[in-house]
C-alpha atoms as a PDB file:
ATOM      1  CA  UNK A   1    -120.563  31.754 -17.976  1.00  0.00           C
ATOM      2  CA  UNK A   2    -118.807  30.007 -15.301  1.00  0.00           C
ATOM      3  CA  UNK A   3    -116.126  31.987 -13.425  1.00  0.00           C
ATOM      4  CA  UNK A   4    -112.710  30.968 -14.404  1.00  0.00           C
ATOM      5  CA  UNK A   5    -109.922  30.247 -11.609  1.00  0.00           C
ATOM      6  CA  UNK A   6    -106.490  30.412 -12.420  1.00  0.00           C
ATOM      7  CA  UNK A   7    -104.042  27.944 -10.581  1.00  0.00           C
ATOM      8  CA  UNK A   8    -100.383  28.722 -11.797  1.00  0.00           C
ATOM      9  CA  UNK A   9     -98.695  26.065  -9.324  1.00  0.00           C
ATOM     10  CA  UNK A  10     -99.870  22.606  -8.686  1.00  0.00           C
ATOM     11  CA  UNK A  11    -102.008  22.024  -5.757  1.00  0.00           C
ATOM     12  CA  UNK A  12    -103.774  18.970  -4.119  1.00  0.00           C
ATOM     13  CA  UNK A  13    -106.769  17.352  -6.129  1.00  0.00           C
ATOM     14  CA  UNK A  14    -109.124  18.285  -3.487  1.00  0.00           C
ATOM     15  CA  UNK A  15    -108.647  21.950  -3.930  1.00  0.00           C
ATOM     16  CA  UNK A  16    -109.723  21.697  -7.570  1.00  0.00           C
ATOM     17  CA  UNK A  17    -112.499  19.288  -6.830  1.00  0.00           C
ATOM     18  CA  UNK A  18    -114.104  21.644  -4.429  1.00  0.00           C
ATOM     19  CA  UNK A  19    -114.045  24.404  -6.955  1.00  0.00           C
ATOM     20  CA  UNK A  20    -115.406  22.240  -9.880  1.00  0.00           C
ATOM     21  CA  UNK A  21    -118.012  20.806  -7.684  1.00  0.00           C
ATOM     22  CA  UNK A  22    -119.505  24.522  -7.408  1.00  0.00           C
ATOM     23  CA  UNK A  23    -119.443  25.076 -11.106  1.00  0.00           C
ATOM     24  CA  UNK A  24    -116.021  26.789 -11.549  1.00  0.00           C
ATOM     25  CA  UNK A  25    -113.686  26.676 -14.508  1.00  0.00           C
ATOM     26  CA  UNK A  26    -110.220  25.350 -13.670  1.00  0.00           C
ATOM     27  CA  UNK A  27    -107.544  27.000 -15.559  1.00  0.00           C
ATOM     28  CA  UNK A  28    -103.871  25.345 -14.995  1.00  0.00           C
ATOM     29  CA  UNK A  29    -101.467  28.098 -15.656  1.00  0.00           C
ATOM     30  CA  UNK A  30     -98.583  27.342 -18.380  1.00  0.00           C
ATOM     31  CA  UNK A  31     -96.114  28.332 -15.630  1.00  0.00           C
ATOM     32  CA  UNK A  32     -95.556  31.122 -13.077  1.00  0.00           C
ATOM     33  CA  UNK A  33     -93.128  33.556 -14.510  1.00  0.00           C
ATOM     34  CA  UNK A  34     -94.338  36.994 -14.528  1.00  0.00           C
ATOM     35  CA  UNK A  35     -94.914  37.304 -18.188  1.00  0.00           C
ATOM     36  CA  UNK A  36     -96.583  33.940 -18.472  1.00  0.00           C
ATOM     37  CA  UNK A  37     -99.020  34.988 -15.843  1.00  0.00           C
ATOM     38  CA  UNK A  38    -100.020  38.202 -17.217  1.00  0.00           C
ATOM     39  CA  UNK A  39    -101.388  36.288 -20.282  1.00  0.00           C
ATOM     40  CA  UNK A  40    -102.996  33.550 -18.355  1.00  0.00           C
ATOM     41  CA  UNK A  41    -104.728  35.538 -15.960  1.00  0.00           C
ATOM     42  CA  UNK A  42    -106.485  37.753 -18.607  1.00  0.00           C
ATOM     43  CA  UNK A  43    -109.725  35.849 -18.796  1.00  0.00           C
ATOM     44  CA  UNK A  44    -109.700  34.759 -15.260  1.00  0.00           C
ATOM     45  CA  UNK A  45    -111.875  35.810 -12.258  1.00  0.00           C
ATOM     46  CA  UNK A  46    -109.616  34.384  -9.586  1.00  0.00           C
ATOM     47  CA  UNK A  47    -106.057  33.274  -8.718  1.00  0.00           C
ATOM     48  CA  UNK A  48    -105.305  30.257  -6.308  1.00  0.00           C
ATOM     49  CA  UNK A  49    -101.757  31.332  -5.338  1.00  0.00           C
ATOM     50  CA  UNK A  50     -98.896  29.418  -3.998  1.00  0.00           C
ATOM     51  CA  UNK A  51     -95.377  30.748  -3.738  1.00  0.00           C
ATOM     52  CA  UNK A  52     -94.885  32.665  -7.121  1.00  0.00           C
ATOM     53  CA  UNK A  53     -94.686  36.369  -7.051  1.00  0.00           C
ATOM     54  CA  UNK A  54     -97.558  38.121  -8.058  1.00  0.00           C
ATOM     55  CA  UNK A  55     -96.487  41.816  -8.843  1.00  0.00           C
ATOM     56  CA  UNK A  56     -98.867  44.653  -9.631  1.00  0.00           C
ATOM     57  CA  UNK A  57     -98.433  44.001 -13.271  1.00  0.00           C
ATOM     58  CA  UNK A  58     -99.992  40.622 -13.372  1.00  0.00           C
ATOM     59  CA  UNK A  59    -102.906  41.980 -11.103  1.00  0.00           C
ATOM     60  CA  UNK A  60    -103.464  44.844 -13.633  1.00  0.00           C
ATOM     61  CA  UNK A  61    -103.442  42.430 -16.483  1.00  0.00           C
ATOM     62  CA  UNK A  62    -106.492  40.509 -14.824  1.00  0.00           C
ATOM     63  CA  UNK A  63    -109.279  42.772 -15.609  1.00  0.00           C
ATOM     64  CA  UNK A  64    -111.792  40.413 -14.416  1.00  0.00           C
ATOM     65  CA  UNK A  65    -109.707  39.622 -11.235  1.00  0.00           C
ATOM     66  CA  UNK A  66    -111.940  39.408  -7.943  1.00  0.00           C
ATOM     67  CA  UNK A  67    -109.968  37.492  -5.495  1.00  0.00           C
ATOM     68  CA  UNK A  68    -106.787  35.799  -4.969  1.00  0.00           C
ATOM     69  CA  UNK A  69    -106.814  32.756  -2.531  1.00  0.00           C
ATOM     70  CA  UNK A  70    -103.581  32.245  -0.974  1.00  0.00           C
ATOM     71  CA  UNK A  71    -102.375  28.725  -0.536  1.00  0.00           C
ATOM     72  CA  UNK A  72    -100.874  29.070   2.864  1.00  0.00           C
ATOM     73  CA  UNK A  73    -100.301  32.018   5.270  1.00  0.00           C
ATOM     74  CA  UNK A  74     -97.506  34.417   4.244  1.00  0.00           C
ATOM     75  CA  UNK A  75     -98.568  36.973   1.632  1.00  0.00           C
ATOM     76  CA  UNK A  76     -95.563  38.708   0.987  1.00  0.00           C
ATOM     77  CA  UNK A  77     -95.318  37.296  -2.377  1.00  0.00           C
ATOM     78  CA  UNK A  78     -98.634  39.445  -3.413  1.00  0.00           C
ATOM     79  CA  UNK A  79     -98.716  43.220  -4.009  1.00  0.00           C
ATOM     80  CA  UNK A  80    -101.191  43.927  -1.489  1.00  0.00           C
ATOM     81  CA  UNK A  81    -101.271  47.582  -2.219  1.00  0.00           C
ATOM     82  CA  UNK A  82    -102.190  47.025  -6.077  1.00  0.00           C
ATOM     83  CA  UNK A  83    -104.663  44.499  -5.265  1.00  0.00           C
ATOM     84  CA  UNK A  84    -106.337  46.775  -2.476  1.00  0.00           C
ATOM     85  CA  UNK A  85    -106.380  49.790  -5.297  1.00  0.00           C
ATOM     86  CA  UNK A  86    -107.721  47.366  -8.019  1.00  0.00           C
ATOM     87  CA  UNK A  87    -110.496  46.067  -5.789  1.00  0.00           C
ATOM     88  CA  UNK A  88    -109.204  42.673  -5.762  1.00  0.00           C
ATOM     89  CA  UNK A  89    -109.535  40.799  -2.353  1.00  0.00           C
ATOM     90  CA  UNK A  90    -106.595  38.707  -1.002  1.00  0.00           C
ATOM     91  CA  UNK A  91    -107.287  36.149   1.343  1.00  0.00           C
ATOM     92  CA  UNK A  92    -104.947  33.458   2.991  1.00  0.00           C
ATOM     93  CA  UNK A  93    -105.387  30.079   5.027  1.00  0.00           C
ATOM     94  CA  UNK A  94    -104.156  30.849   8.427  1.00  0.00           C
ATOM     95  CA  UNK A  95    -106.027  27.577   9.856  1.00  0.00           C
ATOM     96  CA  UNK A  96    -104.513  25.264   7.243  1.00  0.00           C
ATOM     97  CA  UNK A  97    -100.907  24.882   8.156  1.00  0.00           C
ATOM     98  CA  UNK A  98    -100.470  25.843  11.815  1.00  0.00           C
ATOM     99  CA  UNK A  99    -100.238  22.320  13.220  1.00  0.00           C
ATOM    100  CA  UNK A 100     -97.963  21.214  10.604  1.00  0.00           C
ATOM    101  CA  UNK A 101     -95.360  23.859  11.008  1.00  0.00           C
ATOM    102  CA  UNK A 102     -95.751  23.625  14.759  1.00  0.00           C
ATOM    103  CA  UNK A 103     -94.828  19.833  14.653  1.00  0.00           C
ATOM    104  CA  UNK A 104     -91.769  20.535  12.234  1.00  0.00           C
ATOM    105  CA  UNK A 105     -90.728  23.307  14.652  1.00  0.00           C
ATOM    106  CA  UNK A 106     -90.767  20.742  17.510  1.00  0.00           C
ATOM    107  CA  UNK A 107     -89.226  18.355  15.375  1.00  0.00           C
ATOM    108  CA  UNK A 108     -86.096  21.042  14.867  1.00  0.00           C
ATOM    109  CA  UNK A 109     -85.960  21.771  18.474  1.00  0.00           C
ATOM    110  CA  UNK A 110     -85.635  17.925  19.391  1.00  0.00           C
ATOM    111  CA  UNK A 111     -83.121  17.502  16.414  1.00  0.00           C
ATOM    112  CA  UNK A 112     -81.006  20.350  17.684  1.00  0.00           C
ATOM    113  CA  UNK A 113     -80.907  19.227  21.192  1.00  0.00           C
ATOM    114  CA  UNK A 114     -80.188  15.586  20.208  1.00  0.00           C
ATOM    115  CA  UNK A 115     -77.544  16.584  17.254  1.00  0.00           C
ATOM    116  CA  UNK A 116     -79.565  14.197  15.300  1.00  0.00           C
ATOM    117  CA  UNK A 117     -78.112  15.252  11.962  1.00  0.00           C
ATOM    118  CA  UNK A 118     -74.606  15.390  13.309  1.00  0.00           C
ATOM    119  CA  UNK A 119     -74.639  11.933  14.861  1.00  0.00           C
ATOM    120  CA  UNK A 120     -76.373  10.608  11.404  1.00  0.00           C
ATOM    121  CA  UNK A 121     -73.579  11.831   9.539  1.00  0.00           C
ATOM    122  CA  UNK A 122     -71.088  10.517  11.575  1.00  0.00           C
ATOM    123  CA  UNK A 123     -72.303   6.943  12.149  1.00  0.00           C
ATOM    124  CA  UNK A 124     -72.524   6.942   8.316  1.00  0.00           C
ATOM    125  CA  UNK A 125     -68.786   7.251   8.329  1.00  0.00           C
ATOM    126  CA  UNK A 126     -68.631   4.246  10.673  1.00  0.00           C
ATOM    127  CA  UNK A 127     -67.713   6.627  13.606  1.00  0.00           C
ATOM    128  CA  UNK A 128     -69.627   4.431  16.402  1.00  0.00           C
ATOM    129  CA  UNK A 129     -67.194   5.827  19.016  1.00  0.00           C
ATOM    130  CA  UNK A 130     -68.592   9.382  18.723  1.00  0.00           C
ATOM    131  CA  UNK A 131     -71.195   8.388  21.059  1.00  0.00           C
ATOM    132  CA  UNK A 132     -68.872   8.938  23.984  1.00  0.00           C
ATOM    133  CA  UNK A 133     -67.337  12.100  22.524  1.00  0.00           C
ATOM    134  CA  UNK A 134     -70.198  14.330  21.903  1.00  0.00           C
ATOM    135  CA  UNK A 135     -73.410  14.874  24.004  1.00  0.00           C
ATOM    136  CA  UNK A 136     -76.767  15.810  23.356  1.00  0.00           C
ATOM    137  CA  UNK A 137     -79.231  17.664  25.972  1.00  0.00           C
ATOM    138  CA  UNK A 138     -82.270  16.952  27.484  1.00  0.00           C
ATOM    139  CA  UNK A 139     -85.251  19.311  26.937  1.00  0.00           C
ATOM    140  CA  UNK A 140     -86.998  18.695  30.014  1.00  0.00           C
ATOM    141  CA  UNK A 141     -86.626  21.889  31.899  1.00  0.00           C
ATOM    142  CA  UNK A 142     -85.368  23.926  29.132  1.00  0.00           C
ATOM    143  CA  UNK A 143     -86.978  27.055  27.982  1.00  0.00           C
ATOM    144  CA  UNK A 144     -88.247  27.594  24.530  1.00  0.00           C
ATOM    145  CA  UNK A 145     -88.711  31.423  23.689  1.00  0.00           C
ATOM    146  CA  UNK A 146     -91.512  32.202  21.006  1.00  0.00           C
ATOM    147  CA  UNK A 147     -91.470  35.072  19.193  1.00  0.00           C
ATOM    148  CA  UNK A 148     -94.979  35.703  17.874  1.00  0.00           C
ATOM    149  CA  UNK A 149     -97.924  33.931  19.538  1.00  0.00           C
ATOM    150  CA  UNK A 150    -100.314  33.521  16.656  1.00  0.00           C
ATOM    151  CA  UNK A 151    -101.855  30.009  15.493  1.00  0.00           C
ATOM    152  CA  UNK A 152     -98.497  28.444  15.093  1.00  0.00           C
ATOM    153  CA  UNK A 153     -96.553  29.947  18.112  1.00  0.00           C
ATOM    154  CA  UNK A 154     -99.327  28.970  20.260  1.00  0.00           C
ATOM    155  CA  UNK A 155     -99.402  25.672  19.224  1.00  0.00           C
ATOM    156  CA  UNK A 156     -95.549  25.215  19.643  1.00  0.00           C
ATOM    157  CA  UNK A 157     -95.908  26.339  23.291  1.00  0.00           C
ATOM    158  CA  UNK A 158     -98.636  23.827  23.781  1.00  0.00           C
ATOM    159  CA  UNK A 159     -96.595  20.985  22.527  1.00  0.00           C
ATOM    160  CA  UNK A 160     -93.290  22.087  23.997  1.00  0.00           C
ATOM    161  CA  UNK A 161     -94.926  22.544  27.660  1.00  0.00           C
ATOM    162  CA  UNK A 162     -97.274  19.641  27.847  1.00  0.00           C
ATOM    163  CA  UNK A 163     -95.363  17.112  25.401  1.00  0.00           C
ATOM    164  CA  UNK A 164     -91.725  18.002  26.422  1.00  0.00           C
ATOM    165  CA  UNK A 165     -92.189  19.283  29.892  1.00  0.00           C
ATOM    166  CA  UNK A 166     -90.545  22.616  28.930  1.00  0.00           C
ATOM    167  CA  UNK A 167     -91.030  26.037  29.878  1.00  0.00           C
ATOM    168  CA  UNK A 168     -92.411  28.659  27.574  1.00  0.00           C
ATOM    169  CA  UNK A 169     -91.895  32.139  27.375  1.00  0.00           C
ATOM    170  CA  UNK A 170     -93.308  34.776  24.603  1.00  0.00           C
ATOM    171  CA  UNK A 171     -92.707  37.900  23.236  1.00  0.00           C
ATOM    172  CA  UNK A 172     -95.772  39.609  20.989  1.00  0.00           C
ATOM    173  CA  UNK A 173     -96.334  43.149  21.254  1.00  0.00           C
ATOM    174  CA  UNK A 174     -99.821  42.757  19.901  1.00  0.00           C
ATOM    175  CA  UNK A 175    -100.851  40.317  22.799  1.00  0.00           C
ATOM    176  CA  UNK A 176    -102.187  41.273  26.431  1.00  0.00           C
ATOM    177  CA  UNK A 177    -101.219  39.413  29.356  1.00  0.00           C
ATOM    178  CA  UNK A 178    -104.543  38.588  30.203  1.00  0.00           C
ATOM    179  CA  UNK A 179    -104.978  36.632  26.841  1.00  0.00           C
ATOM    180  CA  UNK A 180    -101.856  34.141  27.435  1.00  0.00           C
ATOM    181  CA  UNK A 181    -102.655  31.014  29.242  1.00  0.00           C
ATOM    182  CA  UNK A 182    -101.173  30.741  32.746  1.00  0.00           C
ATOM    183  CA  UNK A 183     -98.496  28.153  32.164  1.00  0.00           C
ATOM    184  CA  UNK A 184     -96.712  30.737  29.592  1.00  0.00           C
ATOM    185  CA  UNK A 185     -95.093  33.682  30.489  1.00  0.00           C
ATOM    186  CA  UNK A 186     -95.281  36.909  28.364  1.00  0.00           C
ATOM    187  CA  UNK A 187     -92.345  38.935  28.408  1.00  0.00           C
ATOM    188  CA  UNK A 188     -92.564  42.833  27.694  1.00  0.00           C
ATOM    189  CA  UNK A 189     -89.133  43.049  26.209  1.00  0.00           C
ATOM    190  CA  UNK A 190     -87.722  41.510  23.088  1.00  0.00           C
ATOM    191  CA  UNK A 191     -84.237  41.401  24.705  1.00  0.00           C
ATOM    192  CA  UNK A 192     -85.561  39.353  27.708  1.00  0.00           C
ATOM    193  CA  UNK A 193     -86.569  36.544  25.402  1.00  0.00           C
ATOM    194  CA  UNK A 194     -83.325  36.210  23.424  1.00  0.00           C
ATOM    195  CA  UNK A 195     -81.194  36.394  26.820  1.00  0.00           C
ATOM    196  CA  UNK A 196     -83.480  34.021  28.640  1.00  0.00           C
ATOM    197  CA  UNK A 197     -84.555  31.136  26.228  1.00  0.00           C
ATOM    198  CA  UNK A 198     -82.520  27.760  25.435  1.00  0.00           C
ATOM    199  CA  UNK A 199     -84.352  27.790  22.109  1.00  0.00           C
ATOM    200  CA  UNK A 200     -85.695  30.625  20.417  1.00  0.00           C
ATOM    201  CA  UNK A 201     -88.281  29.985  17.636  1.00  0.00           C
ATOM    202  CA  UNK A 202     -89.415  32.590  15.311  1.00  0.00           C
ATOM    203  CA  UNK A 203     -93.203  32.872  13.979  1.00  0.00           C
ATOM    204  CA  UNK A 204     -93.440  36.238  12.679  1.00  0.00           C
ATOM    205  CA  UNK A 205     -94.798  37.551   9.170  1.00  0.00           C
ATOM    206  CA  UNK A 206     -92.501  39.246   6.741  1.00  0.00           C
ATOM    207  CA  UNK A 207     -92.972  42.859   6.561  1.00  0.00           C
ATOM    208  CA  UNK A 208     -90.650  46.089   6.486  1.00  0.00           C
ATOM    209  CA  UNK A 209     -90.763  45.981  10.328  1.00  0.00           C
ATOM    210  CA  UNK A 210     -89.450  42.480  10.898  1.00  0.00           C
ATOM    211  CA  UNK A 211     -87.007  41.940   7.895  1.00  0.00           C
ATOM    212  CA  UNK A 212     -83.570  41.734   9.291  1.00  0.00           C
ATOM    213  CA  UNK A 213     -84.790  42.126  12.902  1.00  0.00           C
ATOM    214  CA  UNK A 214     -82.847  39.127  14.200  1.00  0.00           C
ATOM    215  CA  UNK A 215     -79.234  39.787  13.841  1.00  0.00           C
ATOM    216  CA  UNK A 216     -75.897  40.295  15.599  1.00  0.00           C
ATOM    217  CA  UNK A 217     -77.174  42.240  18.549  1.00  0.00           C
ATOM    218  CA  UNK A 218     -79.705  39.014  19.087  1.00  0.00           C
ATOM    219  CA  UNK A 219     -77.104  36.592  18.922  1.00  0.00           C
ATOM    220  CA  UNK A 220     -74.864  38.588  21.334  1.00  0.00           C
ATOM    221  CA  UNK A 221     -77.853  38.479  23.693  1.00  0.00           C
ATOM    222  CA  UNK A 222     -78.510  34.637  23.517  1.00  0.00           C
ATOM    223  CA  UNK A 223     -76.617  32.128  25.731  1.00  0.00           C
ATOM    224  CA  UNK A 224     -73.682  30.180  24.039  1.00  0.00           C
ATOM    225  CA  UNK A 225     -75.798  26.999  24.587  1.00  0.00           C
ATOM    226  CA  UNK A 226     -78.741  28.250  22.768  1.00  0.00           C
ATOM    227  CA  UNK A 227     -80.223  27.466  19.421  1.00  0.00           C
ATOM    228  CA  UNK A 228     -82.184  29.532  16.931  1.00  0.00           C
ATOM    229  CA  UNK A 229     -85.203  27.773  15.138  1.00  0.00           C
ATOM    230  CA  UNK A 230     -86.962  29.617  12.155  1.00  0.00           C
ATOM    231  CA  UNK A 231     -89.821  28.044  10.315  1.00  0.00           C
ATOM    232  CA  UNK A 232     -91.229  31.724   9.585  1.00  0.00           C
ATOM    233  CA  UNK A 233     -89.536  33.468   6.720  1.00  0.00           C
ATOM    234  CA  UNK A 234     -85.976  33.506   5.886  1.00  0.00           C
ATOM    235  CA  UNK A 235     -85.518  37.413   5.454  1.00  0.00           C
ATOM    236  CA  UNK A 236     -86.541  37.929   9.199  1.00  0.00           C
ATOM    237  CA  UNK A 237     -82.883  36.770  10.195  1.00  0.00           C
ATOM    238  CA  UNK A 238     -79.815  38.722   8.971  1.00  0.00           C
ATOM    239  CA  UNK A 239     -78.359  35.374   7.415  1.00  0.00           C
ATOM    240  CA  UNK A 240     -74.838  36.539   7.043  1.00  0.00           C
ATOM    241  CA  UNK A 241     -74.638  37.368  10.750  1.00  0.00           C
ATOM    242  CA  UNK A 242     -76.151  34.140  11.709  1.00  0.00           C
ATOM    243  CA  UNK A 243     -73.622  32.236   9.907  1.00  0.00           C
ATOM    244  CA  UNK A 244     -70.972  34.311  11.623  1.00  0.00           C
ATOM    245  CA  UNK A 245     -72.619  33.606  14.919  1.00  0.00           C
ATOM    246  CA  UNK A 246     -72.544  29.750  14.057  1.00  0.00           C
ATOM    247  CA  UNK A 247     -68.888  29.794  13.156  1.00  0.00           C
ATOM    248  CA  UNK A 248     -67.939  31.836  16.121  1.00  0.00           C
ATOM    249  CA  UNK A 249     -69.658  29.784  18.629  1.00  0.00           C
ATOM    250  CA  UNK A 250     -71.995  32.670  19.492  1.00  0.00           C
ATOM    251  CA  UNK A 251     -74.887  30.109  19.617  1.00  0.00           C
ATOM    252  CA  UNK A 252     -74.751  26.404  19.793  1.00  0.00           C
ATOM    253  CA  UNK A 253     -76.601  26.024  16.503  1.00  0.00           C
ATOM    254  CA  UNK A 254     -79.770  26.570  14.527  1.00  0.00           C
ATOM    255  CA  UNK A 255     -82.539  24.718  12.817  1.00  0.00           C
ATOM    256  CA  UNK A 256     -83.623  26.362   9.721  1.00  0.00           C
ATOM    257  CA  UNK A 257     -86.530  25.796   7.212  1.00  0.00           C
ATOM    258  CA  UNK A 258     -86.237  29.208   5.515  1.00  0.00           C
ATOM    259  CA  UNK A 259     -83.581  31.065   3.932  1.00  0.00           C
ATOM    260  CA  UNK A 260     -82.810  34.712   2.890  1.00  0.00           C
ATOM    261  CA  UNK A 261     -82.520  33.357  -0.594  1.00  0.00           C
ATOM    262  CA  UNK A 262     -84.709  30.136  -1.962  1.00  0.00           C
ATOM    263  CA  UNK A 263     -83.371  28.160  -2.912  1.00  0.00           C
ATOM    264  CA  UNK A 264     -80.041  28.778  -1.313  1.00  0.00           C
ATOM    265  CA  UNK A 265     -77.018  29.220  -3.440  1.00  0.00           C
ATOM    266  CA  UNK A 266     -74.928  26.167  -3.784  1.00  0.00           C
ATOM    267  CA  UNK A 267     -71.882  27.911  -2.224  1.00  0.00           C
ATOM    268  CA  UNK A 268     -74.121  29.105   0.887  1.00  0.00           C
ATOM    269  CA  UNK A 269     -71.674  28.504   4.188  1.00  0.00           C
ATOM    270  CA  UNK A 270     -74.716  27.125   5.946  1.00  0.00           C
ATOM    271  CA  UNK A 271     -74.059  23.665   4.098  1.00  0.00           C
ATOM    272  CA  UNK A 272     -70.742  23.479   5.665  1.00  0.00           C
ATOM    273  CA  UNK A 273     -71.758  23.837   9.018  1.00  0.00           C
ATOM    274  CA  UNK A 274     -72.484  21.001  11.324  1.00  0.00           C
ATOM    275  CA  UNK A 275     -74.044  22.671  13.911  1.00  0.00           C
ATOM    276  CA  UNK A 276     -77.042  23.526  11.861  1.00  0.00           C
ATOM    277  CA  UNK A 277     -79.997  21.323  10.514  1.00  0.00           C
ATOM    278  CA  UNK A 278     -81.456  22.530   7.226  1.00  0.00           C
ATOM    279  CA  UNK A 279     -84.957  21.420   5.812  1.00  0.00           C
ATOM    280  CA  UNK A 280     -86.242  22.874   2.274  1.00  0.00           C
ATOM    281  CA  UNK A 281     -89.076  25.311   3.322  1.00  0.00           C
ATOM    282  CA  UNK A 282     -91.288  22.152   3.653  1.00  0.00           C
ATOM    283  CA  UNK A 283     -92.681  22.544   7.051  1.00  0.00           C
ATOM    284  CA  UNK A 284     -96.283  22.868   5.668  1.00  0.00           C
ATOM    285  CA  UNK A 285     -95.702  20.470   2.877  1.00  0.00           C
ATOM    286  CA  UNK A 286     -97.290  17.353   4.560  1.00  0.00           C
ATOM    287  CA  UNK A 287     -99.848  15.266   2.829  1.00  0.00           C
ATOM    288  CA  UNK A 288    -102.728  16.475   5.318  1.00  0.00           C
ATOM    289  CA  UNK A 289    -101.813  20.073   5.198  1.00  0.00           C
ATOM    290  CA  UNK A 290    -101.266  20.086   1.282  1.00  0.00           C
ATOM    291  CA  UNK A 291    -105.214  19.248   1.170  1.00  0.00           C
ATOM    292  CA  UNK A 292    -106.031  21.539   3.998  1.00  0.00           C
ATOM    293  CA  UNK A 293    -104.401  24.800   2.047  1.00  0.00           C
ATOM    294  CA  UNK A 294    -105.786  23.836  -1.251  1.00  0.00           C
ATOM    295  CA  UNK A 295    -109.295  23.547   0.098  1.00  0.00           C
ATOM    296  CA  UNK A 296    -109.176  26.550   2.316  1.00  0.00           C
ATOM    297  CA  UNK A 297    -107.931  28.737  -0.379  1.00  0.00           C
ATOM    298  CA  UNK A 298    -110.655  27.546  -2.707  1.00  0.00           C
ATOM    299  CA  UNK A 299    -113.177  28.139  -0.007  1.00  0.00           C
ATOM    300  CA  UNK A 300    -112.247  31.886   0.252  1.00  0.00           C
ATOM    301  CA  UNK A 301    -112.278  32.078  -3.564  1.00  0.00           C
ATOM    302  CA  UNK A 302    -115.817  30.522  -3.605  1.00  0.00           C
ATOM    303  CA  UNK A 303    -117.069  33.124  -0.814  1.00  0.00           C
ATOM    304  CA  UNK A 304    -116.165  36.037  -2.561  1.00  0.00           C
ATOM    305  CA  UNK A 305    -117.480  34.883  -6.096  1.00  0.00           C
ATOM    306  CA  UNK A 306    -120.606  33.798  -4.560  1.00  0.00           C
ATOM    307  CA  UNK A 307    -120.986  37.318  -3.032  1.00  0.00           C
ATOM    308  CA  UNK A 308    -120.167  36.453   0.568  1.00  0.00           C
ATOM    309  CA  UNK A 309    -117.473  37.965   2.694  1.00  0.00           C
ATOM    310  CA  UNK A 310    -114.195  35.733   2.987  1.00  0.00           C
ATOM    311  CA  UNK A 311    -113.334  34.430   6.097  1.00  0.00           C
ATOM    312  CA  UNK A 312    -109.769  35.248   6.386  1.00  0.00           C
ATOM    313  CA  UNK A 313    -109.101  38.409   4.522  1.00  0.00           C
ATOM    314  CA  UNK A 314    -105.818  40.396   4.360  1.00  0.00           C
ATOM    315  CA  UNK A 315    -106.892  43.491   2.781  1.00  0.00           C
ATOM    316  CA  UNK A 316    -109.788  45.881   2.364  1.00  0.00           C
ATOM    317  CA  UNK A 317    -110.523  46.460  -1.457  1.00  0.00           C
ATOM    318  CA  UNK A 318    -111.343  50.079  -2.202  1.00  0.00           C
ATOM    319  CA  UNK A 319    -113.874  49.038  -4.609  1.00  0.00           C
ATOM    320  CA  UNK A 320    -116.410  45.947  -5.089  1.00  0.00           C
ATOM    321  CA  UNK A 321    -115.859  44.541  -8.812  1.00  0.00           C
ATOM    322  CA  UNK A 322    -118.778  44.027 -10.646  1.00  0.00           C
ATOM    323  CA  UNK A 323    -120.696  40.772  -9.801  1.00  0.00           C
ATOM    324  CA  UNK A 324    -119.362  40.681  -6.194  1.00  0.00           C
ATOM    325  CA  UNK A 325    -122.057  41.600  -3.933  1.00  0.00           C
ATOM    326  CA  UNK A 326    -120.192  41.537  -0.337  1.00  0.00           C
ATOM    327  CA  UNK A 327    -119.968  44.886   1.505  1.00  0.00           C
ATOM    328  CA  UNK A 328    -116.200  45.867   2.007  1.00  0.00           C
ATOM    329  CA  UNK A 329    -117.160  47.320   5.407  1.00  0.00           C
ATOM    330  CA  UNK A 330    -118.331  43.959   6.654  1.00  0.00           C
ATOM    331  CA  UNK A 331    -114.780  42.550   6.366  1.00  0.00           C
ATOM    332  CA  UNK A 332    -112.500  42.379   9.200  1.00  0.00           C
ATOM    333  CA  UNK A 333    -108.742  42.154   8.193  1.00  0.00           C
ATOM    334  CA  UNK A 334    -106.235  39.916   9.371  1.00  0.00           C
ATOM    335  CA  UNK A 335    -102.808  41.402   8.628  1.00  0.00           C
ATOM    336  CA  UNK A 336    -100.790  39.556  11.084  1.00  0.00           C
ATOM    337  CA  UNK A 337     -99.358  36.400   9.780  1.00  0.00           C
ATOM    338  CA  UNK A 338     -98.597  33.343  12.346  1.00  0.00           C
END
């Protein structure tokens, strides 16, 4: 009997084709509410998961579950502890979205510096004279401060330095100085980055230690001419304190792709601020990236079900479910996001 893969949310056809070509049966979910997934998962061996929540009760209902392939990088929507206890591999796709998100980050930096959203709004009001009243800034010679130097952060640095002639400083407590390219300065203190950078861009995973880690103290450290860019996770930033900093002019502005609540409430004050550029958590949703994430998640599912170790595991299951022969102690974990 062929292994059955549950896919609760739409993915690129290339990912489904990858699985079908290897003999797997695809089961498109009836929805991604918890109660629906608890029913859908009962006869499935794997889940190819996007952004829906995957709590312990869904995992427990999947008696045949052996692997969850995360369509993307962040795994904060999956109960990793429950998966580990139940002997279920969780793997992500860290190489799939790095360039797409890095490009989006650079786009937000440029848009903030040149005040593109503001000027677009004004000229649509036939206010052509705004060109002589408000000025953007050049990026040449400015400093980008990168918090988290994983796959995305390192690409942001490369594009900023070699594409825009910016300087780059990095804060990452897991990174050794000898692992940083010569053209990038690694700072040892969180405070130094926020005090120095003209653009602070966040590339951290959402874990208990990082939630709410950027707030009032950080905004007070930043230059009044500086911008905050967040394409990582909304809960890393204290959104209420960010809004206050933007309203009071503590910082010049922000470029946000992620929010504390998604979608944001209709009365969220961010919508009323003209010094913020907002995008709908779509930094990784390019045509090319959608294909890569779907295929990479499918590859990880195939690896586990075929008895091989996954390339990008994020947990070490305590036991191996029947039918899976790869050894747990061969698997190196990849716990930090990028």
